[in-house]
C-alpha atoms as a PDB file:
ATOM      1  CA  UNK A   1    -258.009  11.282 -17.743  1.00  0.00           C
ATOM      2  CA  UNK A   2    -259.669  12.800 -20.300  1.00  0.00           C
ATOM      3  CA  UNK A   3    -259.031  16.825 -20.314  1.00  0.00           C
ATOM      4  CA  UNK A   4    -263.040  16.943 -20.982  1.00  0.00           C
ATOM      5  CA  UNK A   5    -264.342  14.931 -18.788  1.00  0.00           C
ATOM      6  CA  UNK A   6    -264.063  13.788 -15.066  1.00  0.00           C
ATOM      7  CA  UNK A   7    -261.738  10.935 -13.711  1.00  0.00           C
ATOM      8  CA  UNK A   8    -262.799   8.449 -10.930  1.00  0.00           C
ATOM      9  CA  UNK A   9    -262.786  10.884  -7.974  1.00  0.00           C
ATOM     10  CA  UNK A  10    -261.444  11.670  -4.572  1.00  0.00           C
ATOM     11  CA  UNK A  11    -264.974  13.299  -3.847  1.00  0.00           C
ATOM     12  CA  UNK A  12    -268.176  12.389  -4.825  1.00  0.00           C
ATOM     13  CA  UNK A  13    -269.698  11.544  -7.896  1.00  0.00           C
ATOM     14  CA  UNK A  14    -271.959  13.661 -10.039  1.00  0.00           C
ATOM     15  CA  UNK A  15    -275.292  12.175  -9.875  1.00  0.00           C
ATOM     16  CA  UNK A  16    -275.861   9.367 -12.698  1.00  0.00           C
ATOM     17  CA  UNK A  17    -275.049  10.948 -16.193  1.00  0.00           C
ATOM     18  CA  UNK A  18    -278.280  11.082 -18.153  1.00  0.00           C
ATOM     19  CA  UNK A  19    -276.678  11.272 -21.339  1.00  0.00           C
ATOM     20  CA  UNK A  20    -273.740   8.822 -20.944  1.00  0.00           C
ATOM     21  CA  UNK A  21    -275.014   6.711 -24.151  1.00  0.00           C
ATOM     22  CA  UNK A  22    -273.141  10.052 -25.940  1.00  0.00           C
ATOM     23  CA  UNK A  23    -269.811   9.405 -25.344  1.00  0.00           C
ATOM     24  CA  UNK A  24    -269.398   5.936 -25.281  1.00  0.00           C
ATOM     25  CA  UNK A  25    -267.206   4.627 -28.205  1.00  0.00           C
ATOM     26  CA  UNK A  26    -267.984   1.141 -28.678  1.00  0.00           C
ATOM     27  CA  UNK A  27    -264.607   0.338 -30.511  1.00  0.00           C
ATOM     28  CA  UNK A  28    -260.819   0.924 -29.957  1.00  0.00           C
ATOM     29  CA  UNK A  29    -259.870   2.979 -33.183  1.00  0.00           C
ATOM     30  CA  UNK A  30    -256.130   3.651 -31.836  1.00  0.00           C
ATOM     31  CA  UNK A  31    -254.355   1.892 -28.729  1.00  0.00           C
ATOM     32  CA  UNK A  32    -251.109   4.421 -27.912  1.00  0.00           C
ATOM     33  CA  UNK A  33    -247.864   2.478 -28.472  1.00  0.00           C
ATOM     34  CA  UNK A  34    -246.806   3.108 -24.706  1.00  0.00           C
ATOM     35  CA  UNK A  35    -250.563   1.555 -23.206  1.00  0.00           C
ATOM     36  CA  UNK A  36    -250.015  -1.723 -25.606  1.00  0.00           C
ATOM     37  CA  UNK A  37    -246.726  -2.074 -23.917  1.00  0.00           C
ATOM     38  CA  UNK A  38    -247.978  -1.336 -20.675  1.00  0.00           C
ATOM     39  CA  UNK A  39    -250.704  -4.364 -21.144  1.00  0.00           C
ATOM     40  CA  UNK A  40    -248.239  -7.187 -22.946  1.00  0.00           C
ATOM     41  CA  UNK A  41    -244.847  -6.599 -20.621  1.00  0.00           C
ATOM     42  CA  UNK A  42    -246.501  -5.283 -17.514  1.00  0.00           C
ATOM     43  CA  UNK A  43    -249.589  -7.193 -17.296  1.00  0.00           C
ATOM     44  CA  UNK A  44    -249.207 -10.182 -19.463  1.00  0.00           C
ATOM     45  CA  UNK A  45    -251.712  -9.619 -21.831  1.00  0.00           C
ATOM     46  CA  UNK A  46    -251.290 -11.652 -25.507  1.00  0.00           C
ATOM     47  CA  UNK A  47    -250.762  -9.170 -28.055  1.00  0.00           C
ATOM     48  CA  UNK A  48    -253.962 -10.904 -30.262  1.00  0.00           C
ATOM     49  CA  UNK A  49    -256.093 -10.616 -26.928  1.00  0.00           C
ATOM     50  CA  UNK A  50    -255.299  -6.678 -25.747  1.00  0.00           C
ATOM     51  CA  UNK A  51    -257.862  -4.881 -27.160  1.00  0.00           C
ATOM     52  CA  UNK A  52    -260.912  -7.524 -26.110  1.00  0.00           C
ATOM     53  CA  UNK A  53    -259.021  -7.724 -22.937  1.00  0.00           C
ATOM     54  CA  UNK A  54    -259.606  -3.714 -22.447  1.00  0.00           C
ATOM     55  CA  UNK A  55    -263.049  -3.737 -23.953  1.00  0.00           C
ATOM     56  CA  UNK A  56    -264.521  -6.239 -21.920  1.00  0.00           C
ATOM     57  CA  UNK A  57    -262.606  -4.255 -18.514  1.00  0.00           C
ATOM     58  CA  UNK A  58    -263.555  -1.046 -20.058  1.00  0.00           C
ATOM     59  CA  UNK A  59    -267.431  -2.024 -20.239  1.00  0.00           C
ATOM     60  CA  UNK A  60    -267.545  -2.995 -16.664  1.00  0.00           C
ATOM     61  CA  UNK A  61    -265.856  -0.010 -15.373  1.00  0.00           C
ATOM     62  CA  UNK A  62    -268.777   2.114 -17.341  1.00  0.00           C
ATOM     63  CA  UNK A  63    -271.366   0.560 -15.440  1.00  0.00           C
ATOM     64  CA  UNK A  64    -269.892   1.081 -12.039  1.00  0.00           C
ATOM     65  CA  UNK A  65    -270.023   4.902 -12.907  1.00  0.00           C
ATOM     66  CA  UNK A  66    -270.290   6.476 -16.610  1.00  0.00           C
ATOM     67  CA  UNK A  67    -267.516   8.981 -16.375  1.00  0.00           C
ATOM     68  CA  UNK A  68    -266.893  10.076 -20.333  1.00  0.00           C
ATOM     69  CA  UNK A  69    -263.130   9.371 -19.840  1.00  0.00           C
ATOM     70  CA  UNK A  70    -263.808   5.704 -19.365  1.00  0.00           C
ATOM     71  CA  UNK A  71    -266.520   5.729 -22.569  1.00  0.00           C
ATOM     72  CA  UNK A  72    -264.113   7.540 -24.991  1.00  0.00           C
ATOM     73  CA  UNK A  73    -261.560   5.258 -23.292  1.00  0.00           C
ATOM     74  CA  UNK A  74    -259.584   8.185 -22.631  1.00  0.00           C
ATOM     75  CA  UNK A  75    -258.197   6.551 -19.532  1.00  0.00           C
ATOM     76  CA  UNK A  76    -255.817   4.918 -21.834  1.00  0.00           C
ATOM     77  CA  UNK A  77    -253.880   7.652 -22.641  1.00  0.00           C
ATOM     78  CA  UNK A  78    -251.921   7.398 -18.950  1.00  0.00           C
ATOM     79  CA  UNK A  79    -252.018  11.031 -18.770  1.00  0.00           C
ATOM     80  CA  UNK A  80    -249.584  11.147 -15.498  1.00  0.00           C
ATOM     81  CA  UNK A  81    -246.624   9.843 -17.835  1.00  0.00           C
ATOM     82  CA  UNK A  82    -247.526  12.300 -20.646  1.00  0.00           C
ATOM     83  CA  UNK A  83    -247.195  15.148 -18.473  1.00  0.00           C
ATOM     84  CA  UNK A  84    -244.240  17.686 -18.795  1.00  0.00           C
ATOM     85  CA  UNK A  85    -243.054  17.256 -15.141  1.00  0.00           C
ATOM     86  CA  UNK A  86    -242.879  13.450 -15.451  1.00  0.00           C
ATOM     87  CA  UNK A  87    -239.196  13.033 -15.454  1.00  0.00           C
ATOM     88  CA  UNK A  88    -238.907  14.462 -12.341  1.00  0.00           C
ATOM     89  CA  UNK A  89    -241.762  12.464 -10.666  1.00  0.00           C
ATOM     90  CA  UNK A  90    -239.773   9.461 -12.224  1.00  0.00           C
ATOM     91  CA  UNK A  91    -236.724  10.784 -10.934  1.00  0.00           C
ATOM     92  CA  UNK A  92    -237.948  11.144  -7.306  1.00  0.00           C
ATOM     93  CA  UNK A  93    -239.606   8.045  -6.938  1.00  0.00           C
ATOM     94  CA  UNK A  94    -237.303   5.305  -8.443  1.00  0.00           C
ATOM     95  CA  UNK A  95    -234.674   3.751  -5.915  1.00  0.00           C
ATOM     96  CA  UNK A  96    -231.129   5.443  -5.288  1.00  0.00           C
ATOM     97  CA  UNK A  97    -228.364   4.294  -4.032  1.00  0.00           C
ATOM     98  CA  UNK A  98    -226.798   6.128  -1.254  1.00  0.00           C
ATOM     99  CA  UNK A  99    -224.145   7.572  -2.881  1.00  0.00           C
ATOM    100  CA  UNK A 100    -226.095   9.296  -5.450  1.00  0.00           C
ATOM    101  CA  UNK A 101    -227.685  11.565  -2.350  1.00  0.00           C
ATOM    102  CA  UNK A 102    -230.908  12.634  -1.325  1.00  0.00           C
ATOM    103  CA  UNK A 103    -231.314  15.929  -3.597  1.00  0.00           C
ATOM    104  CA  UNK A 104    -232.989  16.605  -7.573  1.00  0.00           C
ATOM    105  CA  UNK A 105    -233.424  19.792  -9.383  1.00  0.00           C
ATOM    106  CA  UNK A 106    -237.028  20.516  -9.863  1.00  0.00           C
ATOM    107  CA  UNK A 107    -238.371  21.204 -13.228  1.00  0.00           C
ATOM    108  CA  UNK A 108    -240.398  23.511 -14.666  1.00  0.00           C
ATOM    109  CA  UNK A 109    -243.528  23.375 -16.512  1.00  0.00           C
ATOM    110  CA  UNK A 110    -241.949  23.623 -19.440  1.00  0.00           C
ATOM    111  CA  UNK A 111    -239.763  20.598 -19.001  1.00  0.00           C
ATOM    112  CA  UNK A 112    -236.554  22.292 -18.328  1.00  0.00           C
ATOM    113  CA  UNK A 113    -234.774  22.931 -14.720  1.00  0.00           C
ATOM    114  CA  UNK A 114    -235.980  25.572 -12.662  1.00  0.00           C
ATOM    115  CA  UNK A 115    -232.571  25.885 -11.152  1.00  0.00           C
ATOM    116  CA  UNK A 116    -234.141  25.352  -7.813  1.00  0.00           C
ATOM    117  CA  UNK A 117    -232.467  21.955  -5.847  1.00  0.00           C
ATOM    118  CA  UNK A 118    -234.399  20.220  -3.270  1.00  0.00           C
ATOM    119  CA  UNK A 119    -233.504  17.649  -0.790  1.00  0.00           C
ATOM    120  CA  UNK A 120    -235.982  15.081   0.645  1.00  0.00           C
ATOM    121  CA  UNK A 121    -235.798  11.881   2.922  1.00  0.00           C
ATOM    122  CA  UNK A 122    -235.960   8.473   1.182  1.00  0.00           C
ATOM    123  CA  UNK A 123    -238.160   7.065   0.024  1.00  0.00           C
ATOM    124  CA  UNK A 124    -240.875   9.481  -1.409  1.00  0.00           C
ATOM    125  CA  UNK A 125    -244.138   8.468  -2.221  1.00  0.00           C
ATOM    126  CA  UNK A 126    -246.917   9.220  -4.585  1.00  0.00           C
ATOM    127  CA  UNK A 127    -250.664   9.590  -3.678  1.00  0.00           C
ATOM    128  CA  UNK A 128    -252.865   8.999  -7.144  1.00  0.00           C
ATOM    129  CA  UNK A 129    -256.008  11.520  -5.965  1.00  0.00           C
ATOM    130  CA  UNK A 130    -259.137   9.941  -7.944  1.00  0.00           C
ATOM    131  CA  UNK A 131    -257.005   6.730  -9.296  1.00  0.00           C
ATOM    132  CA  UNK A 132    -259.872   5.063 -10.990  1.00  0.00           C
ATOM    133  CA  UNK A 133    -258.344   2.030 -12.504  1.00  0.00           C
ATOM    134  CA  UNK A 134    -254.958   3.165 -11.188  1.00  0.00           C
ATOM    135  CA  UNK A 135    -253.485   3.130 -14.703  1.00  0.00           C
ATOM    136  CA  UNK A 136    -251.437   5.363 -13.976  1.00  0.00           C
ATOM    137  CA  UNK A 137    -249.659   3.581 -10.784  1.00  0.00           C
ATOM    138  CA  UNK A 138    -248.975   0.631 -12.862  1.00  0.00           C
ATOM    139  CA  UNK A 139    -247.465   2.709 -15.417  1.00  0.00           C
ATOM    140  CA  UNK A 140    -245.063   4.166 -12.727  1.00  0.00           C
ATOM    141  CA  UNK A 141    -244.249   0.793 -11.676  1.00  0.00           C
ATOM    142  CA  UNK A 142    -243.569  -0.362 -15.079  1.00  0.00           C
ATOM    143  CA  UNK A 143    -241.297   2.889 -15.588  1.00  0.00           C
ATOM    144  CA  UNK A 144    -239.532   1.200 -12.540  1.00  0.00           C
ATOM    145  CA  UNK A 145    -240.776   2.570  -9.191  1.00  0.00           C
ATOM    146  CA  UNK A 146    -241.347   0.586  -6.453  1.00  0.00           C
ATOM    147  CA  UNK A 147    -245.280  -0.384  -6.067  1.00  0.00           C
ATOM    148  CA  UNK A 148    -244.684  -0.287  -2.174  1.00  0.00           C
ATOM    149  CA  UNK A 149    -244.373   3.498  -2.273  1.00  0.00           C
ATOM    150  CA  UNK A 150    -247.486   4.299  -4.251  1.00  0.00           C
ATOM    151  CA  UNK A 151    -251.060   4.960  -3.087  1.00  0.00           C
ATOM    152  CA  UNK A 152    -254.092   5.554  -4.941  1.00  0.00           C
ATOM    153  CA  UNK A 153    -257.308   7.098  -3.661  1.00  0.00           C
ATOM    154  CA  UNK A 154    -261.215   7.214  -5.213  1.00  0.00           C
ATOM    155  CA  UNK A 155    -264.383   7.844  -4.067  1.00  0.00           C
ATOM    156  CA  UNK A 156    -265.794   4.303  -5.719  1.00  0.00           C
ATOM    157  CA  UNK A 157    -264.284   0.800  -4.217  1.00  0.00           C
ATOM    158  CA  UNK A 158    -265.281  -0.744  -7.627  1.00  0.00           C
ATOM    159  CA  UNK A 159    -263.020   0.840  -9.879  1.00  0.00           C
ATOM    160  CA  UNK A 160    -259.587  -0.156  -7.457  1.00  0.00           C
ATOM    161  CA  UNK A 161    -261.197  -3.329  -7.367  1.00  0.00           C
ATOM    162  CA  UNK A 162    -261.223  -3.674 -11.288  1.00  0.00           C
ATOM    163  CA  UNK A 163    -258.058  -2.079 -11.556  1.00  0.00           C
ATOM    164  CA  UNK A 164    -256.492  -5.358 -10.430  1.00  0.00           C
ATOM    165  CA  UNK A 165    -258.361  -7.216 -12.940  1.00  0.00           C
ATOM    166  CA  UNK A 166    -257.750  -4.622 -15.737  1.00  0.00           C
ATOM    167  CA  UNK A 167    -254.127  -4.991 -15.213  1.00  0.00           C
ATOM    168  CA  UNK A 168    -253.502  -8.893 -13.738  1.00  0.00           C
ATOM    169  CA  UNK A 169    -251.819  -7.800 -10.906  1.00  0.00           C
ATOM    170  CA  UNK A 170    -253.596  -8.689  -8.094  1.00  0.00           C
ATOM    171  CA  UNK A 171    -250.812 -10.842  -6.491  1.00  0.00           C
ATOM    172  CA  UNK A 172    -247.496  -8.792  -7.419  1.00  0.00           C
ATOM    173  CA  UNK A 173    -248.687  -5.100  -7.018  1.00  0.00           C
ATOM    174  CA  UNK A 174    -248.126  -3.849  -3.503  1.00  0.00           C
ATOM    175  CA  UNK A 175    -249.657  -0.199  -3.791  1.00  0.00           C
ATOM    176  CA  UNK A 176    -252.014   0.428  -1.168  1.00  0.00           C
ATOM    177  CA  UNK A 177    -255.509   2.206  -1.405  1.00  0.00           C
ATOM    178  CA  UNK A 178    -257.544   4.243   0.186  1.00  0.00           C
ATOM    179  CA  UNK A 179    -261.713   4.419  -0.654  1.00  0.00           C
ATOM    180  CA  UNK A 180    -262.576   7.978   0.714  1.00  0.00           C
ATOM    181  CA  UNK A 181    -264.405  11.361  -0.379  1.00  0.00           C
ATOM    182  CA  UNK A 182    -262.444  14.392   0.949  1.00  0.00           C
ATOM    183  CA  UNK A 183    -264.983  16.655   0.615  1.00  0.00           C
ATOM    184  CA  UNK A 184    -267.205  14.787   3.396  1.00  0.00           C
ATOM    185  CA  UNK A 185    -263.887  13.359   5.574  1.00  0.00           C
ATOM    186  CA  UNK A 186    -263.074  15.166   8.408  1.00  0.00           C
ATOM    187  CA  UNK A 187    -259.637  15.886   9.650  1.00  0.00           C
ATOM    188  CA  UNK A 188    -258.985  12.712  11.608  1.00  0.00           C
ATOM    189  CA  UNK A 189    -259.529  11.024   8.473  1.00  0.00           C
ATOM    190  CA  UNK A 190    -262.681   9.801   9.403  1.00  0.00           C
ATOM    191  CA  UNK A 191    -265.623   9.992   6.964  1.00  0.00           C
ATOM    192  CA  UNK A 192    -268.961  11.427   8.144  1.00  0.00           C
ATOM    193  CA  UNK A 193    -270.748   8.674   5.724  1.00  0.00           C
ATOM    194  CA  UNK A 194    -269.731   6.099   8.550  1.00  0.00           C
ATOM    195  CA  UNK A 195    -267.900   4.042   5.996  1.00  0.00           C
ATOM    196  CA  UNK A 196    -270.912   3.803   3.777  1.00  0.00           C
ATOM    197  CA  UNK A 197    -268.932   4.286   0.699  1.00  0.00           C
ATOM    198  CA  UNK A 198    -270.420   4.138  -3.006  1.00  0.00           C
ATOM    199  CA  UNK A 199    -271.309   1.175  -4.182  1.00  0.00           C
ATOM    200  CA  UNK A 200    -269.513  -0.352  -7.478  1.00  0.00           C
ATOM    201  CA  UNK A 201    -269.094  -3.146  -9.311  1.00  0.00           C
ATOM    202  CA  UNK A 202    -266.757  -5.201  -7.243  1.00  0.00           C
ATOM    203  CA  UNK A 203    -264.472  -8.183  -8.525  1.00  0.00           C
ATOM    204  CA  UNK A 204    -265.129 -11.542  -7.639  1.00  0.00           C
ATOM    205  CA  UNK A 205    -262.487 -11.218  -5.895  1.00  0.00           C
ATOM    206  CA  UNK A 206    -261.529  -8.770  -2.646  1.00  0.00           C
ATOM    207  CA  UNK A 207    -259.518  -5.623  -2.938  1.00  0.00           C
ATOM    208  CA  UNK A 208    -256.555  -6.240  -0.475  1.00  0.00           C
ATOM    209  CA  UNK A 209    -257.240  -4.501   2.647  1.00  0.00           C
ATOM    210  CA  UNK A 210    -257.993  -0.343   2.373  1.00  0.00           C
ATOM    211  CA  UNK A 211    -255.914   1.975   4.782  1.00  0.00           C
ATOM    212  CA  UNK A 212    -256.964   5.080   6.288  1.00  0.00           C
ATOM    213  CA  UNK A 213    -256.698   8.495   5.408  1.00  0.00           C
ATOM    214  CA  UNK A 214    -254.966   9.729   8.314  1.00  0.00           C
ATOM    215  CA  UNK A 215    -252.008   7.419   7.490  1.00  0.00           C
ATOM    216  CA  UNK A 216    -251.008   9.600   5.332  1.00  0.00           C
ATOM    217  CA  UNK A 217    -250.904  13.530   6.400  1.00  0.00           C
ATOM    218  CA  UNK A 218    -248.001  15.348   5.955  1.00  0.00           C
ATOM    219  CA  UNK A 219    -246.464  12.362   4.213  1.00  0.00           C
ATOM    220  CA  UNK A 220    -246.783  12.866   0.667  1.00  0.00           C
ATOM    221  CA  UNK A 221    -243.767  13.732  -1.573  1.00  0.00           C
ATOM    222  CA  UNK A 222    -246.032  13.884  -4.706  1.00  0.00           C
ATOM    223  CA  UNK A 223    -249.885  13.963  -5.268  1.00  0.00           C
ATOM    224  CA  UNK A 224    -251.428  13.145  -8.938  1.00  0.00           C
ATOM    225  CA  UNK A 225    -254.152  15.384  -9.287  1.00  0.00           C
ATOM    226  CA  UNK A 226    -255.915  14.464 -13.164  1.00  0.00           C
ATOM    227  CA  UNK A 227    -259.417  15.485 -13.547  1.00  0.00           C
ATOM    228  CA  UNK A 228    -260.096  16.776 -10.146  1.00  0.00           C
ATOM    229  CA  UNK A 229    -260.193  20.266  -9.138  1.00  0.00           C
ATOM    230  CA  UNK A 230    -262.433  21.391 -12.590  1.00  0.00           C
ATOM    231  CA  UNK A 231    -265.560  19.030 -11.182  1.00  0.00           C
ATOM    232  CA  UNK A 232    -266.267  21.593  -8.546  1.00  0.00           C
ATOM    233  CA  UNK A 233    -267.372  25.227  -8.183  1.00  0.00           C
ATOM    234  CA  UNK A 234    -264.802  27.713  -7.060  1.00  0.00           C
ATOM    235  CA  UNK A 235    -265.355  27.687  -3.087  1.00  0.00           C
ATOM    236  CA  UNK A 236    -265.258  23.553  -3.069  1.00  0.00           C
ATOM    237  CA  UNK A 237    -262.375  23.902  -5.103  1.00  0.00           C
ATOM    238  CA  UNK A 238    -260.806  25.847  -2.117  1.00  0.00           C
ATOM    239  CA  UNK A 239    -261.991  23.039   0.130  1.00  0.00           C
ATOM    240  CA  UNK A 240    -260.197  20.296  -1.600  1.00  0.00           C
ATOM    241  CA  UNK A 241    -257.502  22.062  -1.987  1.00  0.00           C
ATOM    242  CA  UNK A 242    -256.793  22.539   1.618  1.00  0.00           C
ATOM    243  CA  UNK A 243    -257.206  18.939   2.339  1.00  0.00           C
ATOM    244  CA  UNK A 244    -255.478  18.103  -0.289  1.00  0.00           C
ATOM    245  CA  UNK A 245    -252.766  19.709   1.249  1.00  0.00           C
ATOM    246  CA  UNK A 246    -252.649  18.234   4.339  1.00  0.00           C
ATOM    247  CA  UNK A 247    -251.853  14.818   3.077  1.00  0.00           C
ATOM    248  CA  UNK A 248    -248.467  16.715   0.815  1.00  0.00           C
ATOM    249  CA  UNK A 249    -245.756  16.412   3.071  1.00  0.00           C
ATOM    250  CA  UNK A 250    -244.132  19.616   4.739  1.00  0.00           C
ATOM    251  CA  UNK A 251    -240.722  19.151   2.688  1.00  0.00           C
ATOM    252  CA  UNK A 252    -239.991  21.991   0.380  1.00  0.00           C
ATOM    253  CA  UNK A 253    -240.188  20.862  -2.984  1.00  0.00           C
ATOM    254  CA  UNK A 254    -243.304  18.485  -2.351  1.00  0.00           C
ATOM    255  CA  UNK A 255    -245.203  18.633  -5.620  1.00  0.00           C
ATOM    256  CA  UNK A 256    -248.845  18.413  -6.835  1.00  0.00           C
ATOM    257  CA  UNK A 257    -248.925  17.571 -10.614  1.00  0.00           C
ATOM    258  CA  UNK A 258    -251.939  17.553 -12.204  1.00  0.00           C
ATOM    259  CA  UNK A 259    -253.798  18.302 -15.884  1.00  0.00           C
ATOM    260  CA  UNK A 260    -257.701  19.368 -16.446  1.00  0.00           C
ATOM    261  CA  UNK A 261    -260.060  21.149 -18.091  1.00  0.00           C
ATOM    262  CA  UNK A 262    -259.024  25.251 -18.350  1.00  0.00           C
ATOM    263  CA  UNK A 263    -260.555  27.921 -20.180  1.00  0.00           C
ATOM    264  CA  UNK A 264    -260.072  31.267 -21.536  1.00  0.00           C
ATOM    265  CA  UNK A 265    -261.420  33.124 -20.037  1.00  0.00           C
ATOM    266  CA  UNK A 266    -261.743  31.460 -16.563  1.00  0.00           C
ATOM    267  CA  UNK A 267    -264.665  31.585 -14.348  1.00  0.00           C
ATOM    268  CA  UNK A 268    -268.332  29.544 -13.378  1.00  0.00           C
ATOM    269  CA  UNK A 269    -269.549  27.511 -16.005  1.00  0.00           C
ATOM    270  CA  UNK A 270    -272.371  24.692 -16.114  1.00  0.00           C
ATOM    271  CA  UNK A 271    -271.443  21.862 -14.038  1.00  0.00           C
ATOM    272  CA  UNK A 272    -271.708  17.965 -15.222  1.00  0.00           C
ATOM    273  CA  UNK A 273    -275.608  17.615 -16.782  1.00  0.00           C
ATOM    274  CA  UNK A 274    -275.896  20.958 -15.668  1.00  0.00           C
ATOM    275  CA  UNK A 275    -276.341  20.558 -12.173  1.00  0.00           C
ATOM    276  CA  UNK A 276    -274.736  23.361 -10.139  1.00  0.00           C
ATOM    277  CA  UNK A 277    -271.446  25.255 -11.409  1.00  0.00           C
ATOM    278  CA  UNK A 278    -267.701  24.290 -11.895  1.00  0.00           C
ATOM    279  CA  UNK A 279    -264.965  26.840 -12.105  1.00  0.00           C
ATOM    280  CA  UNK A 280    -262.553  26.514 -14.860  1.00  0.00           C
ATOM    281  CA  UNK A 281    -259.226  28.419 -14.690  1.00  0.00           C
ATOM    282  CA  UNK A 282    -256.878  29.872 -17.065  1.00  0.00           C
ATOM    283  CA  UNK A 283    -252.896  30.458 -16.018  1.00  0.00           C
ATOM    284  CA  UNK A 284    -253.288  33.513 -14.192  1.00  0.00           C
ATOM    285  CA  UNK A 285    -256.314  32.544 -12.379  1.00  0.00           C
ATOM    286  CA  UNK A 286    -255.164  29.093 -11.019  1.00  0.00           C
ATOM    287  CA  UNK A 287    -252.230  30.659 -10.051  1.00  0.00           C
ATOM    288  CA  UNK A 288    -254.488  33.361  -7.997  1.00  0.00           C
ATOM    289  CA  UNK A 289    -256.190  30.463  -6.251  1.00  0.00           C
ATOM    290  CA  UNK A 290    -252.893  28.959  -5.378  1.00  0.00           C
ATOM    291  CA  UNK A 291    -252.280  32.289  -3.512  1.00  0.00           C
ATOM    292  CA  UNK A 292    -255.388  32.348  -1.848  1.00  0.00           C
ATOM    293  CA  UNK A 293    -255.064  28.512  -0.392  1.00  0.00           C
ATOM    294  CA  UNK A 294    -251.413  29.408   0.794  1.00  0.00           C
ATOM    295  CA  UNK A 295    -253.070  32.444   2.632  1.00  0.00           C
ATOM    296  CA  UNK A 296    -255.957  30.611   4.415  1.00  0.00           C
ATOM    297  CA  UNK A 297    -253.660  28.070   5.502  1.00  0.00           C
ATOM    298  CA  UNK A 298    -251.129  30.445   6.863  1.00  0.00           C
ATOM    299  CA  UNK A 299    -248.376  29.407   8.880  1.00  0.00           C
ATOM    300  CA  UNK A 300    -245.647  30.721   6.001  1.00  0.00           C
ATOM    301  CA  UNK A 301    -247.203  28.012   3.416  1.00  0.00           C
ATOM    302  CA  UNK A 302    -245.846  29.113   0.064  1.00  0.00           C
ATOM    303  CA  UNK A 303    -246.159  27.364  -3.690  1.00  0.00           C
ATOM    304  CA  UNK A 304    -244.174  27.743  -6.869  1.00  0.00           C
ATOM    305  CA  UNK A 305    -247.288  27.345  -9.094  1.00  0.00           C
ATOM    306  CA  UNK A 306    -246.662  26.742 -13.018  1.00  0.00           C
ATOM    307  CA  UNK A 307    -249.164  25.925 -15.818  1.00  0.00           C
ATOM    308  CA  UNK A 308    -249.439  25.826 -19.248  1.00  0.00           C
ATOM    309  CA  UNK A 309    -253.148  26.061 -21.607  1.00  0.00           C
ATOM    310  CA  UNK A 310    -253.279  24.639 -24.614  1.00  0.00           C
ATOM    311  CA  UNK A 311    -255.485  22.357 -26.351  1.00  0.00           C
ATOM    312  CA  UNK A 312    -253.869  19.225 -26.963  1.00  0.00           C
ATOM    313  CA  UNK A 313    -256.157  16.008 -26.182  1.00  0.00           C
ATOM    314  CA  UNK A 314    -259.134  17.999 -26.510  1.00  0.00           C
ATOM    315  CA  UNK A 315    -260.283  15.873 -30.082  1.00  0.00           C
ATOM    316  CA  UNK A 316    -263.718  16.600 -30.969  1.00  0.00           C
ATOM    317  CA  UNK A 317    -264.944  18.029 -27.772  1.00  0.00           C
ATOM    318  CA  UNK A 318    -265.257  21.451 -28.764  1.00  0.00           C
ATOM    319  CA  UNK A 319    -268.000  20.331 -31.208  1.00  0.00           C
ATOM    320  CA  UNK A 320    -269.979  18.699 -28.515  1.00  0.00           C
ATOM    321  CA  UNK A 321    -273.454  20.142 -26.989  1.00  0.00           C
ATOM    322  CA  UNK A 322    -272.389  19.418 -23.345  1.00  0.00           C
ATOM    323  CA  UNK A 323    -271.081  21.939 -20.966  1.00  0.00           C
ATOM    324  CA  UNK A 324    -268.097  20.416 -21.065  1.00  0.00           C
ATOM    325  CA  UNK A 325    -267.093  21.770 -24.910  1.00  0.00           C
ATOM    326  CA  UNK A 326    -267.013  25.075 -26.213  1.00  0.00           C
ATOM    327  CA  UNK A 327    -264.821  27.252 -28.000  1.00  0.00           C
ATOM    328  CA  UNK A 328    -263.358  28.630 -24.650  1.00  0.00           C
ATOM    329  CA  UNK A 329    -262.215  25.194 -23.126  1.00  0.00           C
ATOM    330  CA  UNK A 330    -258.625  24.343 -23.061  1.00  0.00           C
ATOM    331  CA  UNK A 331    -256.257  21.833 -21.521  1.00  0.00           C
ATOM    332  CA  UNK A 332    -254.830  23.210 -18.308  1.00  0.00           C
ATOM    333  CA  UNK A 333    -251.643  21.547 -17.172  1.00  0.00           C
ATOM    334  CA  UNK A 334    -249.653  22.384 -14.335  1.00  0.00           C
ATOM    335  CA  UNK A 335    -247.714  21.693 -11.058  1.00  0.00           C
ATOM    336  CA  UNK A 336    -247.396  23.247  -8.080  1.00  0.00           C
ATOM    337  CA  UNK A 337    -244.433  22.699  -5.576  1.00  0.00           C
ATOM    338  CA  UNK A 338    -244.251  23.651  -1.871  1.00  0.00           C
ATOM    339  CA  UNK A 339    -241.525  26.445  -1.383  1.00  0.00           C
END
């Protein structure tokens, strides 16, 4: 997802975006090679039909909710696969023979080995938090990860359902999905909305059965959290982080990986459509944030946090008059490993 805008979210979507037309690109100017390969070889879309197929599905997605990352086609970047620790993610999730053992060496955010070896039971599972169309999950499957070990969570059921039409894998994908709002879900896995999830534009065919959030508590080896935390103010980010950690396996080396809007200096900035505030981190504040999360959780909870702050993928956003622009914004990529 775009570093300058929210993806599909694991928490309630903001009110409809009044200025959505300003970030709707009508045409696909450049389609990344990896994305084209995914549609042609995974989804089986004929090469000459790929662009039209994507544009048709994108229009339906924008009707569900006009997120900038959909309007500006940033979901086609396959963000997780471009993250520095993606090789570790693949190494941990791909099938291994019993003779290969159950250990792996954790990477640093630079992509170099950290020298820390973790042991994990197999199989490991990944949850894509705020999965939107679940494009990152499909890329993982294409790269050799068993789809039954992948989960997606979003507050908009319409996005999850549309993902099957986008990737044409309704009959083959074995991944499971959850429709939940993590900021409005109690500790028992029930939502205080009594299952009344936000309506979306659903496909003509229904999504395979959804699963309850409680079924993943303390089970998830890797959580992908792209373009999620930056939507909220500092106190809501703390609440969200503690809910996310509930899902994370207690095994050392369990990982939260992602990217989001960062800034230098850090602080509270106007939220999307200037409704409230959002907190934007630099590297130091992000590390301090996770120290606070660990302290509030207690019970010896501790994290190793690595992050980088750069201008990659910002494009022309710095020149746009919106709350997600400005000379101070950056892309924050991070890895949070449980110790």
